[in-house]
Amino acid sequence: METQTSMHHVRKLKDLKGKKRWEKHMIARKRKTIAVCHEYHWKIHTGKLD
């Protein structure tokens, strides 16, 4: 079974609070995008992913 990859994007890094693990990852890498599987992308948008 193939996993679909999605790109999560934020407008500005300063908009990230750095409380969640994926936010810390983006801040550390100084990137406004992060590649995640489709399921995790949905969880980010619904606030269900740490």
C-alpha atoms as a PDB file:
ATOM      1  CA  MET A   1       0.000   0.000   0.000  1.00  0.00           C
ATOM      2  CA  GLU A   2       1.362   3.400  -0.988  1.00  0.00           C
ATOM      3  CA  THR A   3       1.347   6.342   1.390  1.00  0.00           C
ATOM      4  CA  GLN A   4       0.483   9.699  -0.085  1.00  0.00           C
ATOM      5  CA  THR A   5       2.828  12.522   0.833  1.00  0.00           C
ATOM      6  CA  SER A   6       1.555  16.024   1.457  1.00  0.00           C
ATOM      7  CA  MET A   7       3.362  19.280   2.073  1.00  0.00           C
ATOM      8  CA  HIS A   8       2.250  21.277   5.084  1.00  0.00           C
ATOM      9  CA  HIS A   9       2.890  25.002   4.665  1.00  0.00           C
ATOM     10  CA  VAL A  10       2.734  27.998   6.987  1.00  0.00           C
ATOM     11  CA  ARG A  11       2.777  31.614   5.845  1.00  0.00           C
ATOM     12  CA  LYS A  12       5.419  32.770   8.336  1.00  0.00           C
ATOM     13  CA  LEU A  13       7.720  30.897  10.696  1.00  0.00           C
ATOM     14  CA  LYS A  14       7.016  33.480  13.380  1.00  0.00           C
ATOM     15  CA  ASP A  15       3.376  32.315  13.357  1.00  0.00           C
ATOM     16  CA  LEU A  16       4.498  28.973  14.844  1.00  0.00           C
ATOM     17  CA  LYS A  17       4.387  28.789  18.610  1.00  0.00           C
ATOM     18  CA  GLY A  18       6.917  25.942  18.872  1.00  0.00           C
ATOM     19  CA  LYS A  19       4.836  23.908  21.314  1.00  0.00           C
ATOM     20  CA  LYS A  20       4.163  20.940  19.057  1.00  0.00           C
ATOM     21  CA  ARG A  21       6.851  18.575  17.800  1.00  0.00           C
ATOM     22  CA  TRP A  22       6.199  19.301  14.125  1.00  0.00           C
ATOM     23  CA  GLU A  23       6.391  23.073  14.811  1.00  0.00           C
ATOM     24  CA  LYS A  24       9.732  22.654  16.595  1.00  0.00           C
ATOM     25  CA  HIS A  25      11.016  20.677  13.605  1.00  0.00           C
ATOM     26  CA  MET A  26      10.031  23.416  11.155  1.00  0.00           C
ATOM     27  CA  ILE A  27      11.537  26.150  13.353  1.00  0.00           C
ATOM     28  CA  ALA A  28      14.806  24.237  13.813  1.00  0.00           C
ATOM     29  CA  ARG A  29      15.151  23.708  10.060  1.00  0.00           C
ATOM     30  CA  LYS A  30      14.020  27.292   9.290  1.00  0.00           C
ATOM     31  CA  ARG A  31      11.548  25.971   6.733  1.00  0.00           C
ATOM     32  CA  LYS A  32       7.963  27.002   6.091  1.00  0.00           C
ATOM     33  CA  THR A  33       7.105  23.609   4.618  1.00  0.00           C
ATOM     34  CA  ILE A  34       7.303  20.062   5.895  1.00  0.00           C
ATOM     35  CA  ALA A  35       6.612  16.780   4.081  1.00  0.00           C
ATOM     36  CA  VAL A  36       4.158  14.579   5.961  1.00  0.00           C
ATOM     37  CA  CYS A  37       1.880  11.691   5.079  1.00  0.00           C
ATOM     38  CA  HIS A  38      -1.693  12.567   4.164  1.00  0.00           C
ATOM     39  CA  GLU A  39      -3.008  11.313   7.533  1.00  0.00           C
ATOM     40  CA  TYR A  40      -0.591  13.475   9.549  1.00  0.00           C
ATOM     41  CA  HIS A  41      -1.354  16.495   7.366  1.00  0.00           C
ATOM     42  CA  TRP A  42      -5.032  16.133   8.192  1.00  0.00           C
ATOM     43  CA  LYS A  43      -4.209  15.746  11.908  1.00  0.00           C
ATOM     44  CA  ILE A  44      -2.118  18.950  11.849  1.00  0.00           C
ATOM     45  CA  HIS A  45      -5.053  20.903  10.422  1.00  0.00           C
ATOM     46  CA  THR A  46      -7.512  19.426  12.914  1.00  0.00           C
ATOM     47  CA  GLY A  47      -5.167  19.993  15.867  1.00  0.00           C
ATOM     48  CA  LYS A  48      -4.838  16.288  16.677  1.00  0.00           C
ATOM     49  CA  LEU A  49      -1.092  15.892  16.022  1.00  0.00           C
ATOM     50  CA  ASP A  50       1.494  16.821  18.634  1.00  0.00           C
END
